Amino acid sequence: MKSLTNFLINLNMFDPEKFLIGGGVSANKIFMDALKKEVEKIDYTVLPKIYLESCKLTNDAACYGMLAIIEKEYIEE
């Protein structure tokens, strides 16, 4: 978890509004809670605050992506 947190700290230099975590891991409440807890431990006196959020599609993102490809390739023609 610390490696992922350090990665987010490094990405934070681009000043994103928030980090969206998607896919199957975002559906795992234990993982997301542990990541948020680790991010809360960061000393924000010199760093911009990191905001985390789970994507709404969680584990279904790949299904929606495949549906979009199928619609584009086979249905719209």
PDB file of N, CA and C in Angstrom:
ATOM      1  N   MET A   1       0.817  -1.187   0.000  1.00  0.00           N
ATOM      2  CA  MET A   1       0.000   0.000   0.000  1.00  0.00           C
ATOM      3  C   MET A   1       0.868   1.261   0.000  1.00  0.00           C
ATOM      4  N   LYS A   2       2.006   1.189   0.694  1.00  0.00           N
ATOM      5  CA  LYS A   2       2.886   2.356   0.740  1.00  0.00           C
ATOM      6  C   LYS A   2       3.444   2.696  -0.638  1.00  0.00           C
ATOM      7  N   SER A   3       3.721   1.681  -1.450  1.00  0.00           N
ATOM      8  CA  SER A   3       4.244   1.940  -2.801  1.00  0.00           C
ATOM      9  C   SER A   3       3.214   2.681  -3.641  1.00  0.00           C
ATOM     10  N   LEU A   4       1.968   2.259  -3.552  1.00  0.00           N
ATOM     11  CA  LEU A   4       0.902   2.933  -4.298  1.00  0.00           C
ATOM     12  C   LEU A   4       0.717   4.362  -3.790  1.00  0.00           C
ATOM     13  N   THR A   5       0.793   4.539  -2.495  1.00  0.00           N
ATOM     14  CA  THR A   5       0.673   5.881  -1.920  1.00  0.00           C
ATOM     15  C   THR A   5       1.816   6.774  -2.394  1.00  0.00           C
ATOM     16  N   ASN A   6       3.031   6.232  -2.410  1.00  0.00           N
ATOM     17  CA  ASN A   6       4.175   7.010  -2.913  1.00  0.00           C
ATOM     18  C   ASN A   6       3.995   7.355  -4.388  1.00  0.00           C
ATOM     19  N   PHE A   7       3.441   6.435  -5.153  1.00  0.00           N
ATOM     20  CA  PHE A   7       3.162   6.688  -6.563  1.00  0.00           C
ATOM     21  C   PHE A   7       2.165   7.848  -6.707  1.00  0.00           C
ATOM     22  N   LEU A   8       1.126   7.850  -5.889  1.00  0.00           N
ATOM     23  CA  LEU A   8       0.140   8.935  -5.928  1.00  0.00           C
ATOM     24  C   LEU A   8       0.774  10.273  -5.542  1.00  0.00           C
ATOM     25  N   ILE A   9       1.682  10.236  -4.575  1.00  0.00           N
ATOM     26  CA  ILE A   9       2.378  11.461  -4.184  1.00  0.00           C
ATOM     27  C   ILE A   9       3.176  12.010  -5.365  1.00  0.00           C
ATOM     28  N   ASN A  10       3.861  11.120  -6.083  1.00  0.00           N
ATOM     29  CA  ASN A  10       4.641  11.554  -7.246  1.00  0.00           C
ATOM     30  C   ASN A  10       3.747  12.074  -8.362  1.00  0.00           C
ATOM     31  N   LEU A  11       2.620  11.421  -8.608  1.00  0.00           N
ATOM     32  CA  LEU A  11       1.691  11.898  -9.635  1.00  0.00           C
ATOM     33  C   LEU A  11       1.033  13.210  -9.243  1.00  0.00           C
ATOM     34  N   ASN A  12       0.962  13.454  -7.962  1.00  0.00           N
ATOM     35  CA  ASN A  12       0.296  14.651  -7.458  1.00  0.00           C
ATOM     36  C   ASN A  12       1.003  15.936  -7.874  1.00  0.00           C
ATOM     37  N   MET A  13       2.242  15.822  -8.343  1.00  0.00           N
ATOM     38  CA  MET A  13       2.967  17.019  -8.798  1.00  0.00           C
ATOM     39  C   MET A  13       2.305  17.638 -10.025  1.00  0.00           C
ATOM     40  N   PHE A  14       1.461  16.858 -10.724  1.00  0.00           N
ATOM     41  CA  PHE A  14       0.719  17.389 -11.870  1.00  0.00           C
ATOM     42  C   PHE A  14      -0.545  18.114 -11.429  1.00  0.00           C
ATOM     43  N   ASP A  15      -0.790  18.160 -10.124  1.00  0.00           N
ATOM     44  CA  ASP A  15      -1.900  18.879  -9.501  1.00  0.00           C
ATOM     45  C   ASP A  15      -3.280  18.458 -10.025  1.00  0.00           C
ATOM     46  N   PRO A  16      -3.581  17.155  -9.968  1.00  0.00           N
ATOM     47  CA  PRO A  16      -4.920  16.729 -10.397  1.00  0.00           C
ATOM     48  C   PRO A  16      -5.969  17.134  -9.366  1.00  0.00           C
ATOM     49  N   GLU A  17      -7.204  17.250  -9.815  1.00  0.00           N
ATOM     50  CA  GLU A  17      -8.285  17.578  -8.889  1.00  0.00           C
ATOM     51  C   GLU A  17      -8.530  16.411  -7.931  1.00  0.00           C
ATOM     52  N   LYS A  18      -8.492  15.190  -8.478  1.00  0.00           N
ATOM     53  CA  LYS A  18      -8.631  13.987  -7.661  1.00  0.00           C
ATOM     54  C   LYS A  18      -8.138  12.787  -8.445  1.00  0.00           C
ATOM     55  N   PHE A  19      -7.885  11.703  -7.741  1.00  0.00           N
ATOM     56  CA  PHE A  19      -7.497  10.444  -8.359  1.00  0.00           C
ATOM     57  C   PHE A  19      -8.702   9.522  -8.354  1.00  0.00           C
ATOM     58  N   LEU A  20      -9.030   8.972  -9.508  1.00  0.00           N
ATOM     59  CA  LEU A  20     -10.123   8.025  -9.628  1.00  0.00           C
ATOM     60  C   LEU A  20      -9.537   6.622  -9.724  1.00  0.00           C
ATOM     61  N   ILE A  21      -9.982   5.745  -8.852  1.00  0.00           N
ATOM     62  CA  ILE A  21      -9.522   4.365  -8.840  1.00  0.00           C
ATOM     63  C   ILE A  21     -10.638   3.530  -9.449  1.00  0.00           C
ATOM     64  N   GLY A  22     -10.322   2.784 -10.495  1.00  0.00           N
ATOM     65  CA  GLY A  22     -11.347   2.017 -11.195  1.00  0.00           C
ATOM     66  C   GLY A  22     -11.028   0.532 -11.247  1.00  0.00           C
ATOM     67  N   GLY A  23     -11.901  -0.192 -11.917  1.00  0.00           N
ATOM     68  CA  GLY A  23     -11.723  -1.627 -12.068  1.00  0.00           C
ATOM     69  C   GLY A  23     -12.141  -2.388 -10.827  1.00  0.00           C
ATOM     70  N   GLY A  24     -11.723  -3.637 -10.788  1.00  0.00           N
ATOM     71  CA  GLY A  24     -12.118  -4.522  -9.697  1.00  0.00           C
ATOM     72  C   GLY A  24     -11.645  -4.064  -8.329  1.00  0.00           C
ATOM     73  N   VAL A  25     -10.467  -3.430  -8.257  1.00  0.00           N
ATOM     74  CA  VAL A  25      -9.963  -3.022  -6.944  1.00  0.00           C
ATOM     75  C   VAL A  25     -10.828  -1.921  -6.344  1.00  0.00           C
ATOM     76  N   SER A  26     -11.454  -1.119  -7.185  1.00  0.00           N
ATOM     77  CA  SER A  26     -12.287  -0.038  -6.655  1.00  0.00           C
ATOM     78  C   SER A  26     -13.577  -0.576  -6.033  1.00  0.00           C
ATOM     79  N   ALA A  27     -13.945  -1.793  -6.394  1.00  0.00           N
ATOM     80  CA  ALA A  27     -15.124  -2.420  -5.801  1.00  0.00           C
ATOM     81  C   ALA A  27     -14.793  -3.072  -4.459  1.00  0.00           C
ATOM     82  N   ASN A  28     -13.507  -3.191  -4.163  1.00  0.00           N
ATOM     83  CA  ASN A  28     -13.062  -3.822  -2.924  1.00  0.00           C
ATOM     84  C   ASN A  28     -12.992  -2.758  -1.822  1.00  0.00           C
ATOM     85  N   LYS A  29     -13.983  -2.754  -0.969  1.00  0.00           N
ATOM     86  CA  LYS A  29     -14.082  -1.733   0.082  1.00  0.00           C
ATOM     87  C   LYS A  29     -12.896  -1.793   1.037  1.00  0.00           C
ATOM     88  N   ILE A  30     -12.420  -2.983   1.339  1.00  0.00           N
ATOM     89  CA  ILE A  30     -11.287  -3.121   2.263  1.00  0.00           C
ATOM     90  C   ILE A  30     -10.047  -2.447   1.664  1.00  0.00           C
ATOM     91  N   PHE A  31      -9.802  -2.673   0.360  1.00  0.00           N
ATOM     92  CA  PHE A  31      -8.662  -2.057  -0.309  1.00  0.00           C
ATOM     93  C   PHE A  31      -8.793  -0.541  -0.330  1.00  0.00           C
ATOM     94  N   MET A  32      -9.956  -0.049  -0.730  1.00  0.00           N
ATOM     95  CA  MET A  32     -10.153   1.394  -0.837  1.00  0.00           C
ATOM     96  C   MET A  32     -10.029   2.073   0.529  1.00  0.00           C
ATOM     97  N   ASP A  33     -10.578   1.451   1.557  1.00  0.00           N
ATOM     98  CA  ASP A  33     -10.462   2.021   2.909  1.00  0.00           C
ATOM     99  C   ASP A  33      -9.004   2.055   3.368  1.00  0.00           C
ATOM    100  N   ALA A  34      -8.256   0.987   3.081  1.00  0.00           N
ATOM    101  CA  ALA A  34      -6.842   0.934   3.469  1.00  0.00           C
ATOM    102  C   ALA A  34      -6.045   1.994   2.708  1.00  0.00           C
ATOM    103  N   LEU A  35      -6.328   2.177   1.418  1.00  0.00           N
ATOM    104  CA  LEU A  35      -5.626   3.184   0.629  1.00  0.00           C
ATOM    105  C   LEU A  35      -5.943   4.590   1.139  1.00  0.00           C
ATOM    106  N   LYS A  36      -7.206   4.849   1.405  1.00  0.00           N
ATOM    107  CA  LYS A  36      -7.586   6.167   1.927  1.00  0.00           C
ATOM    108  C   LYS A  36      -6.932   6.438   3.279  1.00  0.00           C
ATOM    109  N   LYS A  37      -6.861   5.420   4.124  1.00  0.00           N
ATOM    110  CA  LYS A  37      -6.235   5.575   5.435  1.00  0.00           C
ATOM    111  C   LYS A  37      -4.745   5.887   5.282  1.00  0.00           C
ATOM    112  N   GLU A  38      -4.100   5.225   4.323  1.00  0.00           N
ATOM    113  CA  GLU A  38      -2.672   5.474   4.080  1.00  0.00           C
ATOM    114  C   GLU A  38      -2.437   6.882   3.539  1.00  0.00           C
ATOM    115  N   VAL A  39      -3.319   7.337   2.659  1.00  0.00           N
ATOM    116  CA  VAL A  39      -3.205   8.682   2.085  1.00  0.00           C
ATOM    117  C   VAL A  39      -3.436   9.744   3.163  1.00  0.00           C
ATOM    118  N   GLU A  40      -4.295   9.455   4.131  1.00  0.00           N
ATOM    119  CA  GLU A  40      -4.550  10.413   5.223  1.00  0.00           C
ATOM    120  C   GLU A  40      -3.336  10.608   6.125  1.00  0.00           C
ATOM    121  N   LYS A  41      -2.395   9.654   6.113  1.00  0.00           N
ATOM    122  CA  LYS A  41      -1.199   9.744   6.954  1.00  0.00           C
ATOM    123  C   LYS A  41      -0.158  10.712   6.389  1.00  0.00           C
ATOM    124  N   ILE A  42      -0.326  11.139   5.156  1.00  0.00           N
ATOM    125  CA  ILE A  42       0.661  11.987   4.499  1.00  0.00           C
ATOM    126  C   ILE A  42       0.707  13.354   5.180  1.00  0.00           C
ATOM    127  N   ASP A  43       1.911  13.869   5.322  1.00  0.00           N
ATOM    128  CA  ASP A  43       2.099  15.215   5.875  1.00  0.00           C
ATOM    129  C   ASP A  43       1.857  16.223   4.749  1.00  0.00           C
ATOM    130  N   TYR A  44       0.751  16.927   4.821  1.00  0.00           N
ATOM    131  CA  TYR A  44       0.364  17.849   3.751  1.00  0.00           C
ATOM    132  C   TYR A  44       0.865  19.275   3.971  1.00  0.00           C
ATOM    133  N   THR A  45       1.828  19.454   4.838  1.00  0.00           N
ATOM    134  CA  THR A  45       2.339  20.810   5.051  1.00  0.00           C
ATOM    135  C   THR A  45       3.109  21.318   3.831  1.00  0.00           C
ATOM    136  N   VAL A  46       3.706  20.406   3.056  1.00  0.00           N
ATOM    137  CA  VAL A  46       4.464  20.809   1.864  1.00  0.00           C
ATOM    138  C   VAL A  46       3.895  20.226   0.577  1.00  0.00           C
ATOM    139  N   LEU A  47       2.901  19.375   0.690  1.00  0.00           N
ATOM    140  CA  LEU A  47       2.314  18.722  -0.484  1.00  0.00           C
ATOM    141  C   LEU A  47       0.857  19.127  -0.646  1.00  0.00           C
ATOM    142  N   PRO A  48       0.384  19.195  -1.893  1.00  0.00           N
ATOM    143  CA  PRO A  48      -1.052  19.416  -2.078  1.00  0.00           C
ATOM    144  C   PRO A  48      -1.838  18.178  -1.636  1.00  0.00           C
ATOM    145  N   LYS A  49      -3.029  18.373  -1.148  1.00  0.00           N
ATOM    146  CA  LYS A  49      -3.869  17.279  -0.650  1.00  0.00           C
ATOM    147  C   LYS A  49      -4.234  16.330  -1.771  1.00  0.00           C
ATOM    148  N   ILE A  50      -4.240  15.042  -1.469  1.00  0.00           N
ATOM    149  CA  ILE A  50      -4.634  14.004  -2.424  1.00  0.00           C
ATOM    150  C   ILE A  50      -6.066  13.597  -2.117  1.00  0.00           C
ATOM    151  N   TYR A  51      -6.914  13.652  -3.143  1.00  0.00           N
ATOM    152  CA  TYR A  51      -8.308  13.221  -3.014  1.00  0.00           C
ATOM    153  C   TYR A  51      -8.503  11.955  -3.835  1.00  0.00           C
ATOM    154  N   LEU A  52      -9.078  10.934  -3.217  1.00  0.00           N
ATOM    155  CA  LEU A  52      -9.338   9.656  -3.877  1.00  0.00           C
ATOM    156  C   LEU A  52     -10.828   9.425  -4.012  1.00  0.00           C
ATOM    157  N   GLU A  53     -11.212   8.772  -5.109  1.00  0.00           N
ATOM    158  CA  GLU A  53     -12.609   8.412  -5.301  1.00  0.00           C
ATOM    159  C   GLU A  53     -12.679   7.143  -6.147  1.00  0.00           C
ATOM    160  N   SER A  54     -13.640   6.294  -5.853  1.00  0.00           N
ATOM    161  CA  SER A  54     -13.865   5.105  -6.671  1.00  0.00           C
ATOM    162  C   SER A  54     -14.673   5.477  -7.902  1.00  0.00           C
ATOM    163  N   CYS A  55     -14.328   4.875  -9.035  1.00  0.00           N
ATOM    164  CA  CYS A  55     -15.117   5.092 -10.252  1.00  0.00           C
ATOM    165  C   CYS A  55     -16.489   4.444 -10.078  1.00  0.00           C
ATOM    166  N   LYS A  56     -17.483   5.006 -10.703  1.00  0.00           N
ATOM    167  CA  LYS A  56     -18.849   4.516 -10.540  1.00  0.00           C
ATOM    168  C   LYS A  56     -19.070   3.135 -11.154  1.00  0.00           C
ATOM    169  N   LEU A  57     -18.381   2.825 -12.247  1.00  0.00           N
ATOM    170  CA  LEU A  57     -18.602   1.551 -12.919  1.00  0.00           C
ATOM    171  C   LEU A  57     -17.882   0.389 -12.257  1.00  0.00           C
ATOM    172  N   THR A  58     -16.959   0.672 -11.368  1.00  0.00           N
ATOM    173  CA  THR A  58     -16.141  -0.321 -10.654  1.00  0.00           C
ATOM    174  C   THR A  58     -15.772  -1.488 -11.573  1.00  0.00           C
ATOM    175  N   ASN A  59     -16.265  -2.674 -11.243  1.00  0.00           N
ATOM    176  CA  ASN A  59     -15.876  -3.886 -11.955  1.00  0.00           C
ATOM    177  C   ASN A  59     -16.568  -4.038 -13.313  1.00  0.00           C
ATOM    178  N   ASP A  60     -17.543  -3.202 -13.612  1.00  0.00           N
ATOM    179  CA  ASP A  60     -18.277  -3.317 -14.874  1.00  0.00           C
ATOM    180  C   ASP A  60     -17.686  -2.471 -15.997  1.00  0.00           C
ATOM    181  N   ALA A  61     -16.613  -1.751 -15.728  1.00  0.00           N
ATOM    182  CA  ALA A  61     -16.040  -0.848 -16.727  1.00  0.00           C
ATOM    183  C   ALA A  61     -15.662  -1.579 -18.009  1.00  0.00           C
ATOM    184  N   ALA A  62     -15.048  -2.733 -17.892  1.00  0.00           N
ATOM    185  CA  ALA A  62     -14.639  -3.491 -19.082  1.00  0.00           C
ATOM    186  C   ALA A  62     -15.857  -3.931 -19.899  1.00  0.00           C
ATOM    187  N   CYS A  63     -16.940  -4.280 -19.231  1.00  0.00           N
ATOM    188  CA  CYS A  63     -18.158  -4.695 -19.941  1.00  0.00           C
ATOM    189  C   CYS A  63     -18.734  -3.535 -20.754  1.00  0.00           C
ATOM    190  N   TYR A  64     -18.767  -2.354 -20.156  1.00  0.00           N
ATOM    191  CA  TYR A  64     -19.268  -1.181 -20.882  1.00  0.00           C
ATOM    192  C   TYR A  64     -18.344  -0.805 -22.038  1.00  0.00           C
ATOM    193  N   GLY A  65     -17.051  -0.961 -21.832  1.00  0.00           N
ATOM    194  CA  GLY A  65     -16.098  -0.687 -22.901  1.00  0.00           C
ATOM    195  C   GLY A  65     -16.298  -1.632 -24.073  1.00  0.00           C
ATOM    196  N   MET A  66     -16.479  -2.917 -23.788  1.00  0.00           N
ATOM    197  CA  MET A  66     -16.711  -3.901 -24.851  1.00  0.00           C
ATOM    198  C   MET A  66     -18.037  -3.624 -25.541  1.00  0.00           C
ATOM    199  N   LEU A  67     -19.054  -3.246 -24.813  1.00  0.00           N
ATOM    200  CA  LEU A  67     -20.339  -2.900 -25.408  1.00  0.00           C
ATOM    201  C   LEU A  67     -20.186  -1.732 -26.378  1.00  0.00           C
ATOM    202  N   ALA A  68     -19.401  -0.734 -26.001  1.00  0.00           N
ATOM    203  CA  ALA A  68     -19.168   0.416 -26.886  1.00  0.00           C
ATOM    204  C   ALA A  68     -18.466  -0.005 -28.165  1.00  0.00           C
ATOM    205  N   ILE A  69     -17.498  -0.913 -28.051  1.00  0.00           N
ATOM    206  CA  ILE A  69     -16.783  -1.402 -29.236  1.00  0.00           C
ATOM    207  C   ILE A  69     -17.733  -2.185 -30.135  1.00  0.00           C
ATOM    208  N   ILE A  70     -18.542  -3.047 -29.550  1.00  0.00           N
ATOM    209  CA  ILE A  70     -19.487  -3.846 -30.337  1.00  0.00           C
ATOM    210  C   ILE A  70     -20.486  -2.940 -31.046  1.00  0.00           C
ATOM    211  N   GLU A  71     -21.018  -1.961 -30.331  1.00  0.00           N
ATOM    212  CA  GLU A  71     -21.969  -1.029 -30.957  1.00  0.00           C
ATOM    213  C   GLU A  71     -21.323  -0.293 -32.130  1.00  0.00           C
ATOM    214  N   LYS A  72     -20.099   0.144 -31.924  1.00  0.00           N
ATOM    215  CA  LYS A  72     -19.422   0.913 -32.978  1.00  0.00           C
ATOM    216  C   LYS A  72     -19.115   0.030 -34.185  1.00  0.00           C
ATOM    217  N   GLU A  73     -18.645  -1.168 -33.960  1.00  0.00           N
ATOM    218  CA  GLU A  73     -18.202  -2.042 -35.039  1.00  0.00           C
ATOM    219  C   GLU A  73     -19.357  -2.746 -35.761  1.00  0.00           C
ATOM    220  N   TYR A  74     -20.386  -3.154 -35.044  1.00  0.00           N
ATOM    221  CA  TYR A  74     -21.388  -4.029 -35.635  1.00  0.00           C
ATOM    222  C   TYR A  74     -22.789  -3.446 -35.728  1.00  0.00           C
ATOM    223  N   ILE A  75     -23.143  -2.555 -34.840  1.00  0.00           N
ATOM    224  CA  ILE A  75     -24.519  -2.072 -34.814  1.00  0.00           C
ATOM    225  C   ILE A  75     -24.670  -0.781 -35.610  1.00  0.00           C
ATOM    226  N   GLU A  76     -23.680   0.108 -35.541  1.00  0.00           N
ATOM    227  CA  GLU A  76     -23.787   1.389 -36.225  1.00  0.00           C
ATOM    228  C   GLU A  76     -23.625   1.275 -37.734  1.00  0.00           C
ATOM    229  N   GLU A  77     -23.109   0.170 -38.222  1.00  0.00           N
ATOM    230  CA  GLU A  77     -22.870   0.030 -39.671  1.00  0.00           C
ATOM    231  C   GLU A  77     -24.103  -0.258 -40.425  1.00  0.00           C
TER     232      GLU A  77
END
